[in-house]
């Protein structure tokens, strides 16, 4: 990460979370899955995501959950969902922030997505089609 990552603030995190999840809710691929899992209480989910990203980007320690466990419970989620999620996240961060700040968010999102996918889908010894 470059020096611009230090410019990240709680207000920027809230802006990104709200804009990103507005897109998720409208997305044909992700919206129905998120709506089914989150239900009507989007405000609570957005607050949790702000705490998560605050912990990730600012090491605030505000998030107290277990993202891997939460995602392991989602049997309907596929690798394609992660591709779409990252696409929307990249677009949102790029639209909202200067390149260095956007890159800082995107790099963290890619690392998180990779980690979650490994936990959810990687099976040692499974044939990979190659």
Protein backbone atom coordinates (compact mmCIF):
# COMPACT_ATOMS: atom_id res chain seq x y z
CA UNK A 1 0.00 0.00 0.00
CA UNK A 2 1.19 3.47 -0.68
CA UNK A 3 1.06 6.47 1.62
CA UNK A 4 -2.39 7.57 0.47
CA UNK A 5 -3.94 4.70 2.44
CA UNK A 6 -3.38 6.77 5.59
CA UNK A 7 -6.03 9.16 4.28
CA UNK A 8 -8.78 6.62 4.93
CA UNK A 9 -11.29 7.80 7.53
CA UNK A 10 -14.40 6.42 9.22
CA UNK A 11 -16.47 8.78 7.04
CA UNK A 12 -14.90 7.33 3.88
CA UNK A 13 -15.57 3.79 5.09
CA UNK A 14 -19.22 4.65 5.71
CA UNK A 15 -19.46 6.26 2.27
CA UNK A 16 -17.99 3.18 0.58
CA UNK A 17 -20.09 0.69 2.53
CA UNK A 18 -23.34 2.56 1.83
CA UNK A 19 -22.62 3.10 -1.88
CA UNK A 20 -21.35 -0.43 -2.41
CA UNK A 21 -24.26 -2.17 -0.70
CA UNK A 22 -26.74 0.05 -2.55
CA UNK A 23 -25.27 -1.46 -5.74
CA UNK A 24 -25.34 -4.97 -4.26
CA UNK A 25 -29.02 -4.65 -3.41
CA UNK A 26 -29.82 -3.67 -7.01
CA UNK A 27 -27.56 -6.28 -8.61
CA UNK A 28 -29.34 -9.17 -10.35
CA UNK A 29 -26.67 -11.69 -9.31
CA UNK A 30 -26.01 -10.58 -5.73
CA UNK A 31 -29.15 -8.77 -4.61
CA UNK A 32 -31.41 -11.79 -4.10
CA UNK A 33 -28.76 -13.71 -2.17
CA UNK A 34 -27.93 -10.81 0.13
CA UNK A 35 -31.61 -9.99 0.65
CA UNK A 36 -32.35 -13.61 1.58
CA UNK A 37 -29.49 -13.75 4.09
CA UNK A 38 -29.79 -10.25 5.58
CA UNK A 39 -33.56 -9.97 5.51
CA UNK A 40 -35.15 -6.62 6.25
CA UNK A 41 -32.47 -5.34 8.65
CA UNK A 42 -30.03 -3.75 6.24
CA UNK A 43 -29.16 -1.02 8.73
CA UNK A 44 -27.66 -3.55 11.13
CA UNK A 45 -25.71 -5.18 8.30
CA UNK A 46 -24.36 -1.83 7.10
CA UNK A 47 -23.24 -0.98 10.64
CA UNK A 48 -21.51 -4.35 10.92
CA UNK A 49 -19.76 -3.79 7.59
CA UNK A 50 -18.64 -0.32 8.65
CA UNK A 51 -17.15 -1.86 11.80
CA UNK A 52 -15.52 -4.60 9.71
CA UNK A 53 -13.92 -2.18 7.27
CA UNK A 54 -12.87 0.11 10.11
CA UNK A 55 -11.07 -2.83 11.67
CA UNK A 56 -9.50 -3.79 8.34
CA UNK A 57 -8.43 -0.35 7.16
CA UNK A 58 -7.86 1.52 10.42
CA UNK A 59 -7.11 -1.41 12.79
CA UNK A 60 -9.81 0.05 15.05
CA UNK A 61 -10.86 -3.30 16.49
CA UNK A 62 -14.53 -2.35 16.17
CA UNK A 63 -15.54 -5.56 14.39
CA UNK A 64 -16.06 -8.54 16.69
CA UNK A 65 -17.45 -11.15 14.28
CA UNK A 66 -16.07 -14.15 12.43
CA UNK A 67 -16.36 -13.55 8.67
CA UNK A 68 -15.20 -17.05 7.73
CA UNK A 69 -17.80 -18.75 9.89
CA UNK A 70 -20.51 -16.41 8.63
CA UNK A 71 -19.64 -17.20 5.00
CA UNK A 72 -19.26 -20.95 5.55
CA UNK A 73 -22.93 -21.02 6.50
CA UNK A 74 -23.92 -19.63 3.07
CA UNK A 75 -24.28 -22.80 1.03
CA UNK A 76 -25.87 -20.93 -1.91
CA UNK A 77 -22.77 -18.76 -2.49
CA UNK A 78 -20.51 -19.73 -5.40
CA UNK A 79 -17.14 -18.47 -6.68
CA UNK A 80 -19.07 -16.47 -9.29
CA UNK A 81 -20.64 -14.45 -6.47
CA UNK A 82 -17.17 -13.42 -5.34
CA UNK A 83 -16.21 -12.36 -8.86
CA UNK A 84 -19.28 -10.15 -9.08
CA UNK A 85 -18.81 -8.84 -5.52
CA UNK A 86 -15.24 -7.80 -6.31
CA UNK A 87 -16.30 -6.20 -9.58
CA UNK A 88 -18.87 -4.01 -7.82
CA UNK A 89 -16.47 -3.25 -4.98
CA UNK A 90 -13.71 -2.18 -7.37
CA UNK A 91 -16.10 0.02 -9.33
CA UNK A 92 -17.46 1.67 -6.19
CA UNK A 93 -14.04 2.35 -4.63
CA UNK A 94 -12.76 3.73 -7.95
CA UNK A 95 -15.78 6.01 -8.35
CA UNK A 96 -15.53 7.42 -4.84
CA UNK A 97 -11.86 7.87 -4.08
CA UNK A 98 -8.51 9.02 -5.39
CA UNK A 99 -6.50 6.19 -6.98
CA UNK A 100 -4.27 5.48 -3.96
CA UNK A 101 -7.16 5.24 -1.51
CA UNK A 102 -9.26 3.19 -3.92
CA UNK A 103 -6.31 0.84 -4.45
CA UNK A 104 -5.87 0.39 -0.70
CA UNK A 105 -9.51 -0.64 -0.31
CA UNK A 106 -9.42 -2.87 -3.40
CA UNK A 107 -6.24 -4.70 -2.36
CA UNK A 108 -7.75 -5.49 1.03
CA UNK A 109 -11.03 -6.63 -0.56
CA UNK A 110 -9.16 -8.93 -2.94
CA UNK A 111 -7.20 -10.46 -0.08
CA UNK A 112 -10.35 -10.97 1.98
CA UNK A 113 -12.23 -12.50 -0.97
CA UNK A 114 -9.34 -14.84 -1.72
CA UNK A 115 -9.19 -15.97 1.90
CA UNK A 116 -12.94 -16.54 2.11
CA UNK A 117 -12.97 -18.47 -1.15
CA UNK A 118 -10.13 -20.71 0.01
CA UNK A 119 -12.02 -21.44 3.20
CA UNK A 120 -15.30 -22.06 1.43
CA UNK A 121 -14.29 -23.88 -1.75
CA UNK A 122 -10.76 -25.30 -1.55
CA UNK A 123 -10.70 -29.03 -0.97
CA UNK A 124 -7.24 -30.63 -0.71
CA UNK A 125 -6.90 -33.56 -3.04
CA UNK A 126 -9.93 -32.59 -5.13
CA UNK A 127 -9.53 -32.78 -8.88
CA UNK A 128 -9.42 -29.35 -10.51
CA UNK A 129 -10.29 -30.12 -14.10
CA UNK A 130 -6.76 -29.58 -15.42
